[in-house]
Amino acid sequence: MTPLIKEMVKLTVNADLDPTQMNWFDVTGAIKTHFGATPKKYLLHPAPYPKIMLCGNAGEGNFMLYVTVRDKATIVGGWVSNKSGLRKLGAFLLAEHNGEPYASEFLGEVTSEDVNMMCGIVAMFYASLDTKVESYMPVPHKANISRTKRGLKPLYEWRTIIVEPTRLKNEHQGGTHASPRRHQARGHWRTCKSGKRIWIRECWRGDASKGTVFKDYLITGQE
């Protein structure tokens, strides 16, 4: 995994979060490649997963934003970490109004500047979803039970895989290969034979009896 994600994962203990329940993305490259992405155009883009954590670097320091998707709104919030310590950004609801995105409700203390900053990061992330990414699968270390009893932070082992951009062709619906381990398939666009593009929501696939795979992602620029 990236050094940034390794650093930010440690903060989830203080925030009472389970990192294996979220899909992690290092969006440092996405910010550089998609800087200036229009929020009105991208914020209503379907999210690839219902629970996402975005890590990157901004002018103030390293940030960690959570994006939790609900039926009619998305909860966005997070933290910024720098030499002065950890600063909570607060949270807000991101919803649709007359076909445009808007921050419908602030949850806790959050400034309009932080809301605009978080909306910009989420927009750049959504704009970069069709690029090639490196993904990571976090697996809890077997020593975590003992570490928890001793008051130590948990450890995670990470496996790296490559996730290719969505291909603009029909997906194969058949197949005779053995069922893989249970894993989460990210939301993606599918092109039908008619040429119409439809959004396929994220879902779980595979055989749970063979184990479960968790993933996080590093967004890179297009090659």
C-alpha atoms as a PDB file:
ATOM      1  CA  MET A   1       0.000   0.000   0.000  1.00  0.00           C
ATOM      2  CA  THR A   2       1.093   3.621  -0.262  1.00  0.00           C
ATOM      3  CA  PRO A   3       2.963   5.262   2.646  1.00  0.00           C
ATOM      4  CA  LEU A   4       0.132   7.801   2.936  1.00  0.00           C
ATOM      5  CA  ILE A   5      -2.568   5.155   3.405  1.00  0.00           C
ATOM      6  CA  LYS A   6      -0.345   3.356   5.902  1.00  0.00           C
ATOM      7  CA  GLU A   7      -0.109   6.555   7.923  1.00  0.00           C
ATOM      8  CA  MET A   8      -3.799   7.449   7.695  1.00  0.00           C
ATOM      9  CA  VAL A   9      -5.044   3.944   8.549  1.00  0.00           C
ATOM     10  CA  LYS A  10      -3.512   4.381  12.006  1.00  0.00           C
ATOM     11  CA  LEU A  11      -5.904   7.281  12.616  1.00  0.00           C
ATOM     12  CA  THR A  12      -8.969   5.050  12.203  1.00  0.00           C
ATOM     13  CA  VAL A  13      -8.365   3.642  15.668  1.00  0.00           C
ATOM     14  CA  ASN A  14      -8.867   7.090  17.195  1.00  0.00           C
ATOM     15  CA  ALA A  15     -11.955   7.605  15.018  1.00  0.00           C
ATOM     16  CA  ASP A  16     -13.404   4.206  16.047  1.00  0.00           C
ATOM     17  CA  LEU A  17     -13.511   2.974  12.420  1.00  0.00           C
ATOM     18  CA  ASP A  18     -12.842  -0.476  10.989  1.00  0.00           C
ATOM     19  CA  PRO A  19     -10.620   0.031   7.909  1.00  0.00           C
ATOM     20  CA  THR A  20     -11.698  -3.315   6.404  1.00  0.00           C
ATOM     21  CA  GLN A  21     -15.277  -2.034   6.156  1.00  0.00           C
ATOM     22  CA  MET A  22     -14.293   0.783   3.761  1.00  0.00           C
ATOM     23  CA  ASN A  23     -12.728   0.944   0.325  1.00  0.00           C
ATOM     24  CA  TRP A  24      -9.537   3.009   0.499  1.00  0.00           C
ATOM     25  CA  PHE A  25      -8.238   5.273  -2.277  1.00  0.00           C
ATOM     26  CA  ASP A  26      -5.039   7.305  -2.454  1.00  0.00           C
ATOM     27  CA  VAL A  27      -6.210  10.279  -4.546  1.00  0.00           C
ATOM     28  CA  THR A  28      -2.936  12.227  -4.549  1.00  0.00           C
ATOM     29  CA  GLY A  29      -2.444  11.483  -8.251  1.00  0.00           C
ATOM     30  CA  ALA A  30      -6.095  12.156  -9.046  1.00  0.00           C
ATOM     31  CA  ILE A  31      -5.856  15.656  -7.578  1.00  0.00           C
ATOM     32  CA  LYS A  32      -2.906  16.490  -9.818  1.00  0.00           C
ATOM     33  CA  THR A  33      -4.458  14.976 -12.939  1.00  0.00           C
ATOM     34  CA  HIS A  34      -8.041  16.202 -12.462  1.00  0.00           C
ATOM     35  CA  PHE A  35      -7.472  19.493 -10.678  1.00  0.00           C
ATOM     36  CA  GLY A  36     -10.333  21.862 -11.392  1.00  0.00           C
ATOM     37  CA  ALA A  37     -12.934  19.168 -12.083  1.00  0.00           C
ATOM     38  CA  THR A  38     -16.326  20.908 -12.025  1.00  0.00           C
ATOM     39  CA  PRO A  39     -18.280  19.825  -8.900  1.00  0.00           C
ATOM     40  CA  LYS A  40     -21.656  20.365 -10.612  1.00  0.00           C
ATOM     41  CA  LYS A  41     -20.614  17.911 -13.328  1.00  0.00           C
ATOM     42  CA  TYR A  42     -19.076  15.169 -11.195  1.00  0.00           C
ATOM     43  CA  LEU A  43     -20.562  15.235  -7.684  1.00  0.00           C
ATOM     44  CA  LEU A  44     -23.706  13.402  -8.816  1.00  0.00           C
ATOM     45  CA  HIS A  45     -21.611  10.626 -10.374  1.00  0.00           C
ATOM     46  CA  PRO A  46     -22.618   7.208  -8.923  1.00  0.00           C
ATOM     47  CA  ALA A  47     -20.193   6.130  -6.191  1.00  0.00           C
ATOM     48  CA  PRO A  48     -18.325   2.848  -6.821  1.00  0.00           C
ATOM     49  CA  TYR A  49     -18.864   1.676  -3.230  1.00  0.00           C
ATOM     50  CA  PRO A  50     -21.213   2.677  -0.387  1.00  0.00           C
ATOM     51  CA  LYS A  51     -18.325   3.325   2.048  1.00  0.00           C
ATOM     52  CA  ILE A  52     -15.186   5.047   0.749  1.00  0.00           C
ATOM     53  CA  MET A  53     -12.139   6.632   2.375  1.00  0.00           C
ATOM     54  CA  LEU A  54     -10.138   9.122   0.319  1.00  0.00           C
ATOM     55  CA  CYS A  55      -6.556   9.946   1.336  1.00  0.00           C
ATOM     56  CA  GLY A  56      -4.357  12.626  -0.174  1.00  0.00           C
ATOM     57  CA  ASN A  57      -2.343  15.762   0.408  1.00  0.00           C
ATOM     58  CA  ALA A  58      -3.719  19.314   0.392  1.00  0.00           C
ATOM     59  CA  GLY A  59      -2.106  22.641   1.195  1.00  0.00           C
ATOM     60  CA  GLU A  60      -2.973  22.319   4.873  1.00  0.00           C
ATOM     61  CA  GLY A  61      -1.613  18.768   5.221  1.00  0.00           C
ATOM     62  CA  ASN A  62      -2.660  15.178   4.658  1.00  0.00           C
ATOM     63  CA  PHE A  63      -6.402  14.557   4.618  1.00  0.00           C
ATOM     64  CA  MET A  64      -8.678  11.571   5.133  1.00  0.00           C
ATOM     65  CA  LEU A  65     -12.257  11.948   3.867  1.00  0.00           C
ATOM     66  CA  TYR A  66     -15.053   9.436   4.286  1.00  0.00           C
ATOM     67  CA  VAL A  67     -17.844   9.236   1.722  1.00  0.00           C
ATOM     68  CA  THR A  68     -20.848   7.193   2.873  1.00  0.00           C
ATOM     69  CA  VAL A  69     -23.620   6.730   0.314  1.00  0.00           C
ATOM     70  CA  ARG A  70     -27.271   6.626   1.394  1.00  0.00           C
ATOM     71  CA  ASP A  71     -30.456   6.279  -0.665  1.00  0.00           C
ATOM     72  CA  LYS A  72     -31.067   9.997  -1.191  1.00  0.00           C
ATOM     73  CA  ALA A  73     -27.914  11.643   0.114  1.00  0.00           C
ATOM     74  CA  THR A  74     -24.200  11.120   0.698  1.00  0.00           C
ATOM     75  CA  ILE A  75     -22.456  11.870   3.991  1.00  0.00           C
ATOM     76  CA  VAL A  76     -19.042  13.502   3.554  1.00  0.00           C
ATOM     77  CA  GLY A  77     -16.624  14.375   6.334  1.00  0.00           C
ATOM     78  CA  GLY A  78     -13.094  13.815   7.520  1.00  0.00           C
ATOM     79  CA  TRP A  79      -9.879  15.036   9.063  1.00  0.00           C
ATOM     80  CA  VAL A  80      -6.684  16.896   8.194  1.00  0.00           C
ATOM     81  CA  SER A  81      -3.372  15.841   9.747  1.00  0.00           C
ATOM     82  CA  ASN A  82      -0.310  18.107   9.881  1.00  0.00           C
ATOM     83  CA  LYS A  83       2.460  19.195  12.247  1.00  0.00           C
ATOM     84  CA  SER A  84      -0.102  20.950  14.461  1.00  0.00           C
ATOM     85  CA  GLY A  85      -1.996  17.698  14.999  1.00  0.00           C
ATOM     86  CA  LEU A  86      -5.275  16.252  13.792  1.00  0.00           C
ATOM     87  CA  ARG A  87      -8.097  18.628  12.856  1.00  0.00           C
ATOM     88  CA  LYS A  88     -11.626  17.338  12.384  1.00  0.00           C
ATOM     89  CA  LEU A  89     -13.342  18.856   9.367  1.00  0.00           C
ATOM     90  CA  GLY A  90     -16.886  18.064  10.412  1.00  0.00           C
ATOM     91  CA  ALA A  91     -19.420  16.584   8.015  1.00  0.00           C
ATOM     92  CA  PHE A  92     -22.312  17.453   5.735  1.00  0.00           C
ATOM     93  CA  LEU A  93     -24.974  15.843   3.561  1.00  0.00           C
ATOM     94  CA  LEU A  94     -24.459  15.975  -0.187  1.00  0.00           C
ATOM     95  CA  ALA A  95     -27.719  15.611  -2.096  1.00  0.00           C
ATOM     96  CA  GLU A  96     -29.390  16.487  -5.401  1.00  0.00           C
ATOM     97  CA  HIS A  97     -31.656  19.483  -5.894  1.00  0.00           C
ATOM     98  CA  ASN A  98     -33.146  20.311  -9.304  1.00  0.00           C
ATOM     99  CA  GLY A  99     -30.533  18.181 -10.994  1.00  0.00           C
ATOM    100  CA  GLU A 100     -27.573  19.812  -9.238  1.00  0.00           C
ATOM    101  CA  PRO A 101     -25.526  18.780  -6.169  1.00  0.00           C
ATOM    102  CA  TYR A 102     -25.728  20.828  -2.990  1.00  0.00           C
ATOM    103  CA  ALA A 103     -24.709  20.575   0.670  1.00  0.00           C
ATOM    104  CA  SER A 104     -28.125  20.123   2.209  1.00  0.00           C
ATOM    105  CA  GLU A 105     -27.224  19.949   5.883  1.00  0.00           C
ATOM    106  CA  PHE A 106     -24.150  20.477   8.047  1.00  0.00           C
ATOM    107  CA  LEU A 107     -23.471  17.814  10.678  1.00  0.00           C
ATOM    108  CA  GLY A 108     -21.452  19.301  13.518  1.00  0.00           C
ATOM    109  CA  GLU A 109     -19.062  22.213  13.200  1.00  0.00           C
ATOM    110  CA  VAL A 110     -17.894  22.568   9.610  1.00  0.00           C
ATOM    111  CA  THR A 111     -17.031  25.734   7.710  1.00  0.00           C
ATOM    112  CA  SER A 112     -18.166  26.607   4.193  1.00  0.00           C
ATOM    113  CA  GLU A 113     -14.485  26.656   3.149  1.00  0.00           C
ATOM    114  CA  ASP A 114     -14.020  23.069   4.320  1.00  0.00           C
ATOM    115  CA  VAL A 115     -17.255  22.011   2.588  1.00  0.00           C
ATOM    116  CA  ASN A 116     -16.038  23.521  -0.689  1.00  0.00           C
ATOM    117  CA  MET A 117     -12.656  21.853  -0.259  1.00  0.00           C
ATOM    118  CA  MET A 118     -14.190  18.433   0.407  1.00  0.00           C
ATOM    119  CA  CYS A 119     -16.623  18.784  -2.513  1.00  0.00           C
ATOM    120  CA  GLY A 120     -13.699  19.606  -4.787  1.00  0.00           C
ATOM    121  CA  ILE A 121     -11.754  16.516  -3.687  1.00  0.00           C
ATOM    122  CA  VAL A 122     -14.765  14.223  -4.135  1.00  0.00           C
ATOM    123  CA  ALA A 123     -15.398  15.720  -7.600  1.00  0.00           C
ATOM    124  CA  MET A 124     -11.791  15.078  -8.656  1.00  0.00           C
ATOM    125  CA  PHE A 125     -12.040  11.519  -7.335  1.00  0.00           C
ATOM    126  CA  TYR A 126     -15.229  10.812  -9.301  1.00  0.00           C
ATOM    127  CA  ALA A 127     -13.685  12.382 -12.412  1.00  0.00           C
ATOM    128  CA  SER A 128     -10.738   9.968 -12.183  1.00  0.00           C
ATOM    129  CA  LEU A 129     -12.661   6.709 -11.817  1.00  0.00           C
ATOM    130  CA  ASP A 130     -12.130   5.637 -15.426  1.00  0.00           C
ATOM    131  CA  THR A 131      -8.317   5.717 -15.133  1.00  0.00           C
ATOM    132  CA  LYS A 132      -6.022   2.805 -14.367  1.00  0.00           C
ATOM    133  CA  VAL A 133      -5.625   2.204 -10.623  1.00  0.00           C
ATOM    134  CA  GLU A 134      -3.533   0.138  -8.252  1.00  0.00           C
ATOM    135  CA  SER A 135      -5.610  -1.507  -5.556  1.00  0.00           C
ATOM    136  CA  TYR A 136      -4.745  -2.941  -2.158  1.00  0.00           C
ATOM    137  CA  MET A 137      -6.451  -5.633  -0.125  1.00  0.00           C
ATOM    138  CA  PRO A 138      -6.222  -5.056   3.657  1.00  0.00           C
ATOM    139  CA  VAL A 139      -6.150  -8.235   5.738  1.00  0.00           C
ATOM    140  CA  PRO A 140      -6.183  -8.071   9.570  1.00  0.00           C
ATOM    141  CA  HIS A 141      -2.953  -9.475  11.025  1.00  0.00           C
ATOM    142  CA  LYS A 142      -3.327 -12.678  13.037  1.00  0.00           C
ATOM    143  CA  ALA A 143      -1.549 -10.996  15.962  1.00  0.00           C
ATOM    144  CA  ASN A 144      -4.280  -8.349  16.378  1.00  0.00           C
ATOM    145  CA  ILE A 145      -6.179 -10.238  19.108  1.00  0.00           C
ATOM    146  CA  SER A 146      -3.073 -10.311  21.278  1.00  0.00           C
ATOM    147  CA  ARG A 147      -2.208  -6.694  20.406  1.00  0.00           C
ATOM    148  CA  THR A 148      -5.693  -5.501  21.365  1.00  0.00           C
ATOM    149  CA  LYS A 149      -5.414  -7.118  24.780  1.00  0.00           C
ATOM    150  CA  ARG A 150      -2.126  -5.268  25.295  1.00  0.00           C
ATOM    151  CA  GLY A 151      -3.631  -1.938  24.233  1.00  0.00           C
ATOM    152  CA  LEU A 152      -1.681  -1.813  20.960  1.00  0.00           C
ATOM    153  CA  LYS A 153      -3.009  -0.636  17.596  1.00  0.00           C
ATOM    154  CA  PRO A 154      -3.980  -3.337  15.083  1.00  0.00           C
ATOM    155  CA  LEU A 155      -1.788  -4.309  12.142  1.00  0.00           C
ATOM    156  CA  TYR A 156      -2.820  -5.070   8.559  1.00  0.00           C
ATOM    157  CA  GLU A 157      -1.198  -7.016   5.765  1.00  0.00           C
ATOM    158  CA  TRP A 158      -1.689  -5.626   2.246  1.00  0.00           C
ATOM    159  CA  ARG A 159      -1.820  -7.268  -1.170  1.00  0.00           C
ATOM    160  CA  THR A 160      -1.502  -5.250  -4.365  1.00  0.00           C
ATOM    161  CA  ILE A 161      -3.460  -5.830  -7.583  1.00  0.00           C
ATOM    162  CA  ILE A 162      -4.091  -3.791 -10.740  1.00  0.00           C
ATOM    163  CA  VAL A 163      -7.608  -2.588 -11.566  1.00  0.00           C
ATOM    164  CA  GLU A 164      -8.038  -1.683 -15.225  1.00  0.00           C
ATOM    165  CA  PRO A 165     -10.385   1.084 -16.449  1.00  0.00           C
ATOM    166  CA  THR A 166     -13.911   0.043 -17.398  1.00  0.00           C
ATOM    167  CA  ARG A 167     -13.884  -1.419 -20.886  1.00  0.00           C
ATOM    168  CA  LEU A 168     -16.505  -0.076 -23.298  1.00  0.00           C
ATOM    169  CA  LYS A 169     -17.791  -3.452 -24.419  1.00  0.00           C
ATOM    170  CA  ASN A 170     -20.306  -6.051 -23.285  1.00  0.00           C
ATOM    171  CA  GLU A 171     -19.288  -7.991 -20.203  1.00  0.00           C
ATOM    172  CA  HIS A 172     -19.068 -11.775 -20.491  1.00  0.00           C
ATOM    173  CA  GLN A 173     -22.128 -13.206 -18.742  1.00  0.00           C
ATOM    174  CA  GLY A 174     -21.134 -16.877 -18.785  1.00  0.00           C
ATOM    175  CA  GLY A 175     -18.022 -18.706 -17.672  1.00  0.00           C
ATOM    176  CA  THR A 176     -16.946 -22.093 -16.429  1.00  0.00           C
ATOM    177  CA  HIS A 177     -14.134 -21.130 -14.058  1.00  0.00           C
ATOM    178  CA  ALA A 178     -14.331 -21.948 -10.357  1.00  0.00           C
ATOM    179  CA  SER A 179     -16.043 -19.410  -8.136  1.00  0.00           C
ATOM    180  CA  PRO A 180     -13.473 -16.969  -6.610  1.00  0.00           C
ATOM    181  CA  ARG A 181     -13.338 -15.799  -3.017  1.00  0.00           C
ATOM    182  CA  ARG A 182     -16.092 -13.411  -1.980  1.00  0.00           C
ATOM    183  CA  HIS A 183     -15.135  -9.931  -3.165  1.00  0.00           C
ATOM    184  CA  GLN A 184     -16.767  -6.584  -3.796  1.00  0.00           C
ATOM    185  CA  ALA A 185     -17.223  -5.569  -7.438  1.00  0.00           C
ATOM    186  CA  ARG A 186     -17.078  -1.796  -7.834  1.00  0.00           C
ATOM    187  CA  GLY A 187     -19.792   0.171  -9.585  1.00  0.00           C
ATOM    188  CA  HIS A 188     -19.106   0.591 -13.278  1.00  0.00           C
ATOM    189  CA  TRP A 189     -20.590   1.525 -16.625  1.00  0.00           C
ATOM    190  CA  ARG A 190     -21.801  -1.257 -18.941  1.00  0.00           C
ATOM    191  CA  THR A 191     -22.378  -0.817 -22.665  1.00  0.00           C
ATOM    192  CA  CYS A 192     -25.341  -2.830 -24.006  1.00  0.00           C
ATOM    193  CA  LYS A 193     -25.530  -4.262 -27.541  1.00  0.00           C
ATOM    194  CA  SER A 194     -27.813  -1.370 -28.444  1.00  0.00           C
ATOM    195  CA  GLY A 195     -25.021   1.070 -27.555  1.00  0.00           C
ATOM    196  CA  LYS A 196     -26.846   2.360 -24.465  1.00  0.00           C
ATOM    197  CA  ARG A 197     -24.667   2.819 -21.368  1.00  0.00           C
ATOM    198  CA  ILE A 198     -26.128   1.801 -17.984  1.00  0.00           C
ATOM    199  CA  TRP A 199     -24.645   2.097 -14.486  1.00  0.00           C
ATOM    200  CA  ILE A 200     -24.117  -1.216 -12.664  1.00  0.00           C
ATOM    201  CA  ARG A 201     -24.220  -0.730  -8.898  1.00  0.00           C
ATOM    202  CA  GLU A 202     -21.540  -2.216  -6.666  1.00  0.00           C
ATOM    203  CA  CYS A 203     -22.238  -5.733  -5.377  1.00  0.00           C
ATOM    204  CA  TRP A 204     -20.653  -8.728  -3.648  1.00  0.00           C
ATOM    205  CA  ARG A 205     -19.595 -11.713  -5.775  1.00  0.00           C
ATOM    206  CA  GLY A 206     -17.881 -15.036  -5.206  1.00  0.00           C
ATOM    207  CA  ASP A 207     -17.912 -17.823  -2.658  1.00  0.00           C
ATOM    208  CA  ALA A 208     -17.816 -16.627   0.975  1.00  0.00           C
ATOM    209  CA  SER A 209     -16.694 -20.106   2.127  1.00  0.00           C
ATOM    210  CA  LYS A 210     -13.357 -19.501   0.355  1.00  0.00           C
ATOM    211  CA  GLY A 211     -12.690 -16.276   2.271  1.00  0.00           C
ATOM    212  CA  THR A 212     -13.368 -12.573   1.720  1.00  0.00           C
ATOM    213  CA  VAL A 213     -11.188 -10.007  -0.037  1.00  0.00           C
ATOM    214  CA  PHE A 214     -11.146  -6.322   0.965  1.00  0.00           C
ATOM    215  CA  LYS A 215      -9.711  -3.620  -1.299  1.00  0.00           C
ATOM    216  CA  ASP A 216      -8.363  -0.100  -1.342  1.00  0.00           C
ATOM    217  CA  TYR A 217      -7.212   1.874  -4.362  1.00  0.00           C
ATOM    218  CA  LEU A 218      -4.483   4.222  -5.559  1.00  0.00           C
ATOM    219  CA  ILE A 219      -5.819   6.479  -8.315  1.00  0.00           C
ATOM    220  CA  THR A 220      -3.195   7.290 -10.953  1.00  0.00           C
ATOM    221  CA  GLY A 221      -3.178   9.506 -14.016  1.00  0.00           C
ATOM    222  CA  GLN A 222      -4.163   8.113 -17.401  1.00  0.00           C
ATOM    223  CA  GLU A 223      -1.329   6.499 -19.300  1.00  0.00           C
END
